[in-house]
Amino acid sequence: MLEPMRWSDDKSTRFQALREQEARGALSPAGRAELDALLADLDADEAEVLGPATQRLRAETEAMAKETESLEAKARELLRIAEEEERLLADARSTLERLRKRSAALAEDYLRVMGHELAPAR
């Protein structure tokens, strides 16, 4: 469980006063040290509060990167499959055209030999 934040209304008020002194150029060395300590407290509180959210976002980002990598690999494989299917279809069309030409040539031979066309198969 998270510890309660170290920042308080009193610290906030003191922080604002020191920042105003700094803006006016009237911040003493002791005031500078106190302002630096308050800034460190504020940074620590922010890190404490944002730490779990940052960890969660980091984990989500890693999970999404892994999922993206997996989906990209699947997409590449599907593209390879689609390209192979296209080549197979082109081969089948070419084979069909060759068979049609051979069949037409045989039909012409039959017509020449027999004097009539070959009756279609039923």
Protein backbone atom coordinates (compact mmCIF):
# COMPACT_ATOMS: atom_id res chain seq x y z
CA MET A 1 0.00 0.00 0.00
CA LEU A 2 1.22 3.52 -0.78
CA GLU A 3 2.41 5.77 1.99
CA PRO A 4 0.47 9.01 2.31
CA MET A 5 1.92 11.84 0.31
CA ARG A 6 4.49 13.99 2.09
CA TRP A 7 3.12 17.13 0.46
CA SER A 8 0.72 19.16 2.58
CA ASP A 9 -1.10 22.48 2.50
CA ASP A 10 1.58 23.96 4.76
CA LYS A 11 4.34 22.79 2.41
CA SER A 12 2.39 24.14 -0.55
CA THR A 13 2.04 27.55 1.06
CA ARG A 14 5.73 27.62 2.01
CA PHE A 15 6.68 26.48 -1.50
CA GLN A 16 4.68 29.34 -3.07
CA ALA A 17 6.29 31.88 -0.72
CA LEU A 18 9.78 30.65 -1.56
CA ARG A 19 8.99 30.69 -5.30
CA GLU A 20 7.82 34.31 -4.99
CA GLN A 21 11.04 35.23 -3.19
CA GLU A 22 13.00 33.45 -5.92
CA ALA A 23 11.11 35.36 -8.63
CA ARG A 24 11.94 38.66 -6.91
CA GLY A 25 15.60 37.64 -6.57
CA ALA A 26 15.32 37.78 -2.79
CA LEU A 27 15.87 34.10 -2.00
CA SER A 28 18.54 33.52 0.65
CA PRO A 29 20.88 30.51 0.57
CA ALA A 30 18.85 28.93 3.38
CA GLY A 31 15.67 29.64 1.40
CA ARG A 32 17.26 28.07 -1.68
CA ALA A 33 18.09 24.93 0.33
CA GLU A 34 14.55 24.80 1.70
CA LEU A 35 13.05 25.29 -1.79
CA ASP A 36 15.30 22.56 -3.19
CA ALA A 37 14.18 20.22 -0.38
CA LEU A 38 10.52 21.02 -1.10
CA LEU A 39 11.07 20.37 -4.80
CA ALA A 40 12.69 17.04 -3.95
CA ASP A 41 9.68 16.17 -1.76
CA LEU A 42 7.33 17.12 -4.58
CA ASP A 43 9.31 15.03 -7.07
CA ALA A 44 9.29 12.05 -4.67
CA ASP A 45 5.52 12.36 -4.18
CA GLU A 46 4.96 12.51 -7.92
CA ALA A 47 7.16 9.47 -8.47
CA GLU A 48 5.32 7.61 -5.71
CA VAL A 49 1.90 8.43 -7.12
CA LEU A 50 2.83 8.00 -10.77
CA GLY A 51 5.01 4.92 -10.26
CA PRO A 52 2.23 2.29 -10.41
CA ALA A 53 0.58 4.01 -13.38
CA THR A 54 3.94 4.23 -15.14
CA GLN A 55 4.60 0.54 -14.46
CA ARG A 56 1.13 -0.38 -15.74
CA LEU A 57 1.62 1.70 -18.89
CA ARG A 58 5.05 0.16 -19.45
CA ALA A 59 3.56 -3.35 -19.12
CA GLU A 60 0.70 -2.45 -21.47
CA THR A 61 3.16 -1.01 -23.98
CA GLU A 62 5.28 -4.17 -23.85
CA ALA A 63 2.18 -6.35 -24.27
CA MET A 64 1.03 -4.27 -27.24
CA ALA A 65 4.49 -4.45 -28.80
CA LYS A 66 4.45 -8.25 -28.48
CA GLU A 67 0.94 -8.42 -29.93
CA THR A 68 1.96 -6.11 -32.79
CA GLU A 69 4.99 -8.31 -33.51
CA SER A 70 2.80 -11.41 -33.51
CA LEU A 71 0.20 -9.80 -35.79
CA GLU A 72 2.90 -8.58 -38.17
CA ALA A 73 4.34 -12.10 -38.35
CA LYS A 74 0.88 -13.49 -39.12
CA ALA A 75 0.34 -10.82 -41.76
CA ARG A 76 3.64 -11.72 -43.43
CA GLU A 77 2.71 -15.41 -43.40
CA LEU A 78 -0.77 -14.69 -44.78
CA LEU A 79 0.79 -12.59 -47.54
CA ARG A 80 3.10 -15.49 -48.41
CA ILE A 81 0.12 -17.87 -48.50
CA ALA A 82 -1.90 -15.48 -50.69
CA GLU A 83 1.02 -15.08 -53.10
CA GLU A 84 1.42 -18.87 -53.30
CA GLU A 85 -2.33 -19.22 -53.95
CA GLU A 86 -2.00 -16.68 -56.79
CA ARG A 87 0.85 -18.71 -58.31
CA LEU A 88 -1.21 -21.91 -57.95
CA LEU A 89 -4.18 -20.28 -59.67
CA ALA A 90 -1.96 -19.02 -62.51
CA ASP A 91 -0.52 -22.55 -62.89
CA ALA A 92 -4.03 -24.02 -62.96
CA ARG A 93 -5.16 -21.54 -65.62
CA SER A 94 -2.11 -22.31 -67.73
CA THR A 95 -2.68 -26.05 -67.37
CA LEU A 96 -6.37 -25.66 -68.28
CA GLU A 97 -5.46 -23.68 -71.40
CA ARG A 98 -2.96 -26.37 -72.47
CA LEU A 99 -5.59 -29.10 -71.91
CA ARG A 100 -8.18 -27.18 -73.91
CA LYS A 101 -5.72 -26.81 -76.81
CA ARG A 102 -4.84 -30.52 -76.69
CA SER A 103 -8.53 -31.43 -76.59
CA ALA A 104 -9.29 -29.15 -79.55
CA ALA A 105 -6.39 -30.69 -81.51
CA LEU A 106 -7.66 -34.20 -80.77
CA ALA A 107 -11.18 -33.18 -81.80
CA GLU A 108 -9.78 -31.88 -85.09
CA ASP A 109 -7.90 -35.16 -85.60
CA TYR A 110 -11.06 -37.13 -84.91
CA LEU A 111 -13.06 -34.98 -87.35
CA ARG A 112 -10.38 -35.50 -90.03
CA VAL A 113 -10.29 -39.27 -89.49
CA MET A 114 -14.00 -39.94 -89.00
CA GLY A 115 -15.56 -37.16 -91.03
CA HIS A 116 -17.82 -35.99 -88.20
CA GLU A 117 -17.39 -34.42 -84.81
CA LEU A 118 -17.04 -36.47 -81.68
CA ALA A 119 -20.33 -36.68 -79.78
CA PRO A 120 -20.11 -35.06 -76.34
CA ALA A 121 -19.89 -37.46 -73.41
CA ARG A 122 -23.09 -37.86 -71.39
